[in-house]
Structure formats: structure tokens, C-alpha cells
Amino acid sequence: MLDHAKDARELGPDTDTTALAATVQAATLGVAVLWAVDRQGALAERQRAALDAVLAPHRPAQ
């Protein structure tokens, strides 16, 4: 999926999609663990925020 985003120029050309995939997985699973402990807010919203934070540096400037 990240390779397709890179091909569609939704991610920068120098993005290492393999490394980014591992980071995305760690962030979304980490947020799920934290949410399971504190139950603050909606899990989907927290995962979206984590995903946005991880992807932001890899998105091309607009």
C-alpha cells in the first residue's frame, strides 16, 4: 500500500516504504496498547493521529 502511495506521489520519492511500514505498524499498535490502558478518546481517532504524525515527514510539500 505504501509503495502504491509512493508511485502515486503521495509520499516523497526517497521514502523507504519497508522501514515506514514497520514504523506505521509500531505506532498504530503502540497507540492501541496505550488506549487499552487509559481508554481516553476513540481508538480510531488516536490511531489516525499517530498515523498522520508518522506519515507527515514523508508527504511531499504542497
PDB file of N, CA and C in Angstrom:
ATOM      1  N   MET A   1       0.815  -1.182   0.000  1.00  0.00           N
ATOM      2  CA  MET A   1       0.000   0.000   0.000  1.00  0.00           C
ATOM      3  C   MET A   1       0.870   1.262   0.000  1.00  0.00           C
ATOM      4  N   LEU A   2       1.930   1.253   0.788  1.00  0.00           N
ATOM      5  CA  LEU A   2       2.821   2.410   0.816  1.00  0.00           C
ATOM      6  C   LEU A   2       3.564   2.559  -0.503  1.00  0.00           C
ATOM      7  N   ASP A   3       3.900   1.448  -1.143  1.00  0.00           N
ATOM      8  CA  ASP A   3       4.542   1.520  -2.457  1.00  0.00           C
ATOM      9  C   ASP A   3       3.605   2.182  -3.464  1.00  0.00           C
ATOM     10  N   HIS A   4       2.332   1.858  -3.398  1.00  0.00           N
ATOM     11  CA  HIS A   4       1.355   2.485  -4.297  1.00  0.00           C
ATOM     12  C   HIS A   4       1.250   3.981  -4.014  1.00  0.00           C
ATOM     13  N   ALA A   5       1.278   4.350  -2.747  1.00  0.00           N
ATOM     14  CA  ALA A   5       1.237   5.767  -2.387  1.00  0.00           C
ATOM     15  C   ALA A   5       2.480   6.485  -2.905  1.00  0.00           C
ATOM     16  N   LYS A   6       3.622   5.831  -2.825  1.00  0.00           N
ATOM     17  CA  LYS A   6       4.860   6.414  -3.345  1.00  0.00           C
ATOM     18  C   LYS A   6       4.781   6.572  -4.858  1.00  0.00           C
ATOM     19  N   ASP A   7       4.297   5.543  -5.548  1.00  0.00           N
ATOM     20  CA  ASP A   7       4.142   5.604  -7.004  1.00  0.00           C
ATOM     21  C   ASP A   7       3.169   6.701  -7.423  1.00  0.00           C
ATOM     22  N   ALA A   8       2.160   6.945  -6.593  1.00  0.00           N
ATOM     23  CA  ALA A   8       1.165   7.985  -6.878  1.00  0.00           C
ATOM     24  C   ALA A   8       1.635   9.364  -6.418  1.00  0.00           C
ATOM     25  N   ARG A   9       2.873   9.437  -5.939  1.00  0.00           N
ATOM     26  CA  ARG A   9       3.489  10.686  -5.469  1.00  0.00           C
ATOM     27  C   ARG A   9       2.787  11.271  -4.252  1.00  0.00           C
ATOM     28  N   GLU A  10       2.161  10.385  -3.469  1.00  0.00           N
ATOM     29  CA  GLU A  10       1.564  10.807  -2.209  1.00  0.00           C
ATOM     30  C   GLU A  10       2.599  10.756  -1.088  1.00  0.00           C
ATOM     31  N   LEU A  11       3.711  10.089  -1.356  1.00  0.00           N
ATOM     32  CA  LEU A  11       4.861  10.046  -0.458  1.00  0.00           C
ATOM     33  C   LEU A  11       6.070  10.511  -1.259  1.00  0.00           C
ATOM     34  N   GLY A  12       7.062  11.028  -0.553  1.00  0.00           N
ATOM     35  CA  GLY A  12       8.258  11.508  -1.223  1.00  0.00           C
ATOM     36  C   GLY A  12       9.011  10.396  -1.940  1.00  0.00           C
ATOM     37  N   PRO A  13       9.772  10.748  -2.975  1.00  0.00           N
ATOM     38  CA  PRO A  13      10.477   9.755  -3.777  1.00  0.00           C
ATOM     39  C   PRO A  13      11.570   9.005  -3.015  1.00  0.00           C
ATOM     40  N   ASP A  14      12.087   9.587  -1.947  1.00  0.00           N
ATOM     41  CA  ASP A  14      13.149   8.947  -1.168  1.00  0.00           C
ATOM     42  C   ASP A  14      12.620   8.130   0.005  1.00  0.00           C
ATOM     43  N   THR A  15      11.312   7.988   0.110  1.00  0.00           N
ATOM     44  CA  THR A  15      10.714   7.257   1.223  1.00  0.00           C
ATOM     45  C   THR A  15      11.071   5.778   1.151  1.00  0.00           C
ATOM     46  N   ASP A  16      11.619   5.257   2.243  1.00  0.00           N
ATOM     47  CA  ASP A  16      11.890   3.824   2.377  1.00  0.00           C
ATOM     48  C   ASP A  16      10.593   3.194   2.892  1.00  0.00           C
ATOM     49  N   THR A  17       9.820   2.634   1.986  1.00  0.00           N
ATOM     50  CA  THR A  17       8.494   2.140   2.361  1.00  0.00           C
ATOM     51  C   THR A  17       8.552   0.924   3.274  1.00  0.00           C
ATOM     52  N   THR A  18       9.619   0.144   3.199  1.00  0.00           N
ATOM     53  CA  THR A  18       9.745  -1.003   4.101  1.00  0.00           C
ATOM     54  C   THR A  18       9.927  -0.523   5.541  1.00  0.00           C
ATOM     55  N   ALA A  19      10.806   0.431   5.726  1.00  0.00           N
ATOM     56  CA  ALA A  19      11.030   0.989   7.067  1.00  0.00           C
ATOM     57  C   ALA A  19       9.795   1.740   7.545  1.00  0.00           C
ATOM     58  N   LEU A  20       9.161   2.460   6.637  1.00  0.00           N
ATOM     59  CA  LEU A  20       7.964   3.205   7.015  1.00  0.00           C
ATOM     60  C   LEU A  20       6.837   2.263   7.434  1.00  0.00           C
ATOM     61  N   ALA A  21       6.701   1.139   6.760  1.00  0.00           N
ATOM     62  CA  ALA A  21       5.670   0.157   7.126  1.00  0.00           C
ATOM     63  C   ALA A  21       5.880  -0.335   8.558  1.00  0.00           C
ATOM     64  N   ALA A  22       7.119  -0.598   8.929  1.00  0.00           N
ATOM     65  CA  ALA A  22       7.400  -1.041  10.297  1.00  0.00           C
ATOM     66  C   ALA A  22       7.071   0.054  11.302  1.00  0.00           C
ATOM     67  N   THR A  23       7.355   1.295  10.951  1.00  0.00           N
ATOM     68  CA  THR A  23       7.057   2.418  11.836  1.00  0.00           C
ATOM     69  C   THR A  23       5.556   2.615  11.979  1.00  0.00           C
ATOM     70  N   VAL A  24       4.828   2.501  10.877  1.00  0.00           N
ATOM     71  CA  VAL A  24       3.361   2.614  10.916  1.00  0.00           C
ATOM     72  C   VAL A  24       2.786   1.531  11.823  1.00  0.00           C
ATOM     73  N   GLN A  25       3.267   0.314  11.668  1.00  0.00           N
ATOM     74  CA  GLN A  25       2.764  -0.786  12.491  1.00  0.00           C
ATOM     75  C   GLN A  25       3.058  -0.543  13.967  1.00  0.00           C
ATOM     76  N   ALA A  26       4.278  -0.133  14.264  1.00  0.00           N
ATOM     77  CA  ALA A  26       4.641   0.112  15.661  1.00  0.00           C
ATOM     78  C   ALA A  26       3.795   1.232  16.265  1.00  0.00           C
ATOM     79  N   ALA A  27       3.577   2.283  15.505  1.00  0.00           N
ATOM     80  CA  ALA A  27       2.800   3.417  16.021  1.00  0.00           C
ATOM     81  C   ALA A  27       1.342   3.036  16.253  1.00  0.00           C
ATOM     82  N   THR A  28       0.722   2.369  15.297  1.00  0.00           N
ATOM     83  CA  THR A  28      -0.694   2.043  15.456  1.00  0.00           C
ATOM     84  C   THR A  28      -0.925   0.993  16.541  1.00  0.00           C
ATOM     85  N   LEU A  29      -0.023   0.019  16.634  1.00  0.00           N
ATOM     86  CA  LEU A  29      -0.162  -0.980  17.702  1.00  0.00           C
ATOM     87  C   LEU A  29       0.167  -0.389  19.069  1.00  0.00           C
ATOM     88  N   GLY A  30       1.161   0.485  19.102  1.00  0.00           N
ATOM     89  CA  GLY A  30       1.516   1.144  20.362  1.00  0.00           C
ATOM     90  C   GLY A  30       0.378   1.986  20.898  1.00  0.00           C
ATOM     91  N   VAL A  31      -0.274   2.724  20.008  1.00  0.00           N
ATOM     92  CA  VAL A  31      -1.425   3.535  20.409  1.00  0.00           C
ATOM     93  C   VAL A  31      -2.543   2.636  20.930  1.00  0.00           C
ATOM     94  N   ALA A  32      -2.735   1.488  20.299  1.00  0.00           N
ATOM     95  CA  ALA A  32      -3.787   0.564  20.745  1.00  0.00           C
ATOM     96  C   ALA A  32      -3.501   0.061  22.165  1.00  0.00           C
ATOM     97  N   VAL A  33      -2.251  -0.227  22.454  1.00  0.00           N
ATOM     98  CA  VAL A  33      -1.885  -0.677  23.800  1.00  0.00           C
ATOM     99  C   VAL A  33      -2.135   0.440  24.811  1.00  0.00           C
ATOM    100  N   LEU A  34      -1.690   1.638  24.473  1.00  0.00           N
ATOM    101  CA  LEU A  34      -1.918   2.771  25.378  1.00  0.00           C
ATOM    102  C   LEU A  34      -3.410   3.021  25.589  1.00  0.00           C
ATOM    103  N   TRP A  35      -4.182   2.932  24.516  1.00  0.00           N
ATOM    104  CA  TRP A  35      -5.621   3.142  24.627  1.00  0.00           C
ATOM    105  C   TRP A  35      -6.255   2.066  25.517  1.00  0.00           C
ATOM    106  N   ALA A  36      -5.778   0.836  25.415  1.00  0.00           N
ATOM    107  CA  ALA A  36      -6.318  -0.247  26.237  1.00  0.00           C
ATOM    108  C   ALA A  36      -6.096   0.027  27.725  1.00  0.00           C
ATOM    109  N   VAL A  37      -5.042   0.742  28.035  1.00  0.00           N
ATOM    110  CA  VAL A  37      -4.739   1.069  29.425  1.00  0.00           C
ATOM    111  C   VAL A  37      -5.558   2.258  29.902  1.00  0.00           C
ATOM    112  N   ASP A  38      -5.612   3.335  29.091  1.00  0.00           N
ATOM    113  CA  ASP A  38      -6.251   4.557  29.593  1.00  0.00           C
ATOM    114  C   ASP A  38      -7.656   4.831  29.050  1.00  0.00           C
ATOM    115  N   ARG A  39      -8.048   4.180  27.962  1.00  0.00           N
ATOM    116  CA  ARG A  39      -9.387   4.304  27.364  1.00  0.00           C
ATOM    117  C   ARG A  39      -9.817   5.752  27.133  1.00  0.00           C
ATOM    118  N   GLN A  40      -8.870   6.612  26.852  1.00  0.00           N
ATOM    119  CA  GLN A  40      -9.199   8.016  26.598  1.00  0.00           C
ATOM    120  C   GLN A  40      -9.463   8.217  25.115  1.00  0.00           C
ATOM    121  N   GLY A  41     -10.603   8.794  24.800  1.00  0.00           N
ATOM    122  CA  GLY A  41     -10.955   9.056  23.420  1.00  0.00           C
ATOM    123  C   GLY A  41     -11.282   7.781  22.657  1.00  0.00           C
ATOM    124  N   ALA A  42     -11.469   7.942  21.361  1.00  0.00           N
ATOM    125  CA  ALA A  42     -11.777   6.804  20.497  1.00  0.00           C
ATOM    126  C   ALA A  42     -10.478   6.236  19.932  1.00  0.00           C
ATOM    127  N   LEU A  43     -10.372   4.931  19.934  1.00  0.00           N
ATOM    128  CA  LEU A  43      -9.167   4.277  19.431  1.00  0.00           C
ATOM    129  C   LEU A  43      -8.874   4.701  17.996  1.00  0.00           C
ATOM    130  N   ALA A  44      -9.877   4.702  17.139  1.00  0.00           N
ATOM    131  CA  ALA A  44      -9.659   5.053  15.727  1.00  0.00           C
ATOM    132  C   ALA A  44      -9.098   6.466  15.580  1.00  0.00           C
ATOM    133  N   GLU A  45      -9.568   7.389  16.390  1.00  0.00           N
ATOM    134  CA  GLU A  45      -9.070   8.775  16.326  1.00  0.00           C
ATOM    135  C   GLU A  45      -7.615   8.846  16.764  1.00  0.00           C
ATOM    136  N   ARG A  46      -7.271   8.113  17.793  1.00  0.00           N
ATOM    137  CA  ARG A  46      -5.885   8.120  18.272  1.00  0.00           C
ATOM    138  C   ARG A  46      -4.963   7.451  17.262  1.00  0.00           C
ATOM    139  N   GLN A  47      -5.429   6.372  16.637  1.00  0.00           N
ATOM    140  CA  GLN A  47      -4.611   5.721  15.619  1.00  0.00           C
ATOM    141  C   GLN A  47      -4.432   6.626  14.407  1.00  0.00           C
ATOM    142  N   ARG A  48      -5.476   7.331  14.018  1.00  0.00           N
ATOM    143  CA  ARG A  48      -5.377   8.265  12.891  1.00  0.00           C
ATOM    144  C   ARG A  48      -4.362   9.363  13.197  1.00  0.00           C
ATOM    145  N   ALA A  49      -4.386   9.891  14.407  1.00  0.00           N
ATOM    146  CA  ALA A  49      -3.432  10.935  14.790  1.00  0.00           C
ATOM    147  C   ALA A  49      -2.004  10.400  14.749  1.00  0.00           C
ATOM    148  N   ALA A  50      -1.798   9.186  15.235  1.00  0.00           N
ATOM    149  CA  ALA A  50      -0.463   8.582  15.198  1.00  0.00           C
ATOM    150  C   ALA A  50      -0.019   8.355  13.754  1.00  0.00           C
ATOM    151  N   LEU A  51      -0.914   7.860  12.928  1.00  0.00           N
ATOM    152  CA  LEU A  51      -0.603   7.622  11.524  1.00  0.00           C
ATOM    153  C   LEU A  51      -0.266   8.932  10.813  1.00  0.00           C
ATOM    154  N   ASP A  52      -1.035   9.965  11.059  1.00  0.00           N
ATOM    155  CA  ASP A  52      -0.751  11.265  10.459  1.00  0.00           C
ATOM    156  C   ASP A  52       0.627  11.775  10.874  1.00  0.00           C
ATOM    157  N   ALA A  53       0.979  11.598  12.152  1.00  0.00           N
ATOM    158  CA  ALA A  53       2.277  12.048  12.643  1.00  0.00           C
ATOM    159  C   ALA A  53       3.427  11.274  11.997  1.00  0.00           C
ATOM    160  N   VAL A  54       3.233   9.997  11.793  1.00  0.00           N
ATOM    161  CA  VAL A  54       4.274   9.162  11.178  1.00  0.00           C
ATOM    162  C   VAL A  54       4.440   9.501   9.698  1.00  0.00           C
ATOM    163  N   LEU A  55       3.336   9.717   9.004  1.00  0.00           N
ATOM    164  CA  LEU A  55       3.384   9.960   7.563  1.00  0.00           C
ATOM    165  C   LEU A  55       3.772  11.390   7.192  1.00  0.00           C
ATOM    166  N   ALA A  56       3.513  12.335   8.051  1.00  0.00           N
ATOM    167  CA  ALA A  56       3.725  13.759   7.736  1.00  0.00           C
ATOM    168  C   ALA A  56       5.106  14.061   7.151  1.00  0.00           C
ATOM    169  N   PRO A  57       6.183  13.572   7.735  1.00  0.00           N
ATOM    170  CA  PRO A  57       7.502  13.896   7.172  1.00  0.00           C
ATOM    171  C   PRO A  57       7.760  13.280   5.792  1.00  0.00           C
ATOM    172  N   HIS A  58       6.956  12.336   5.406  1.00  0.00           N
ATOM    173  CA  HIS A  58       7.155  11.641   4.135  1.00  0.00           C
ATOM    174  C   HIS A  58       6.260  12.168   3.019  1.00  0.00           C
ATOM    175  N   ARG A  59       5.365  13.064   3.366  1.00  0.00           N
ATOM    176  CA  ARG A  59       4.477  13.642   2.355  1.00  0.00           C
ATOM    177  C   ARG A  59       5.198  14.780   1.640  1.00  0.00           C
ATOM    178  N   PRO A  60       5.014  14.870   0.329  1.00  0.00           N
ATOM    179  CA  PRO A  60       5.669  15.965  -0.396  1.00  0.00           C
ATOM    180  C   PRO A  60       5.100  17.319   0.021  1.00  0.00           C
ATOM    181  N   ALA A  61       5.934  18.335  -0.080  1.00  0.00           N
ATOM    182  CA  ALA A  61       5.497  19.701   0.242  1.00  0.00           C
ATOM    183  C   ALA A  61       4.423  20.119  -0.754  1.00  0.00           C
ATOM    184  N   GLN A  62       3.465  20.874  -0.247  1.00  0.00           N
ATOM    185  CA  GLN A  62       2.376  21.303  -1.141  1.00  0.00           C
ATOM    186  C   GLN A  62       2.422  22.768  -1.414  1.00  0.00           C
TER     187      GLN A  62
END
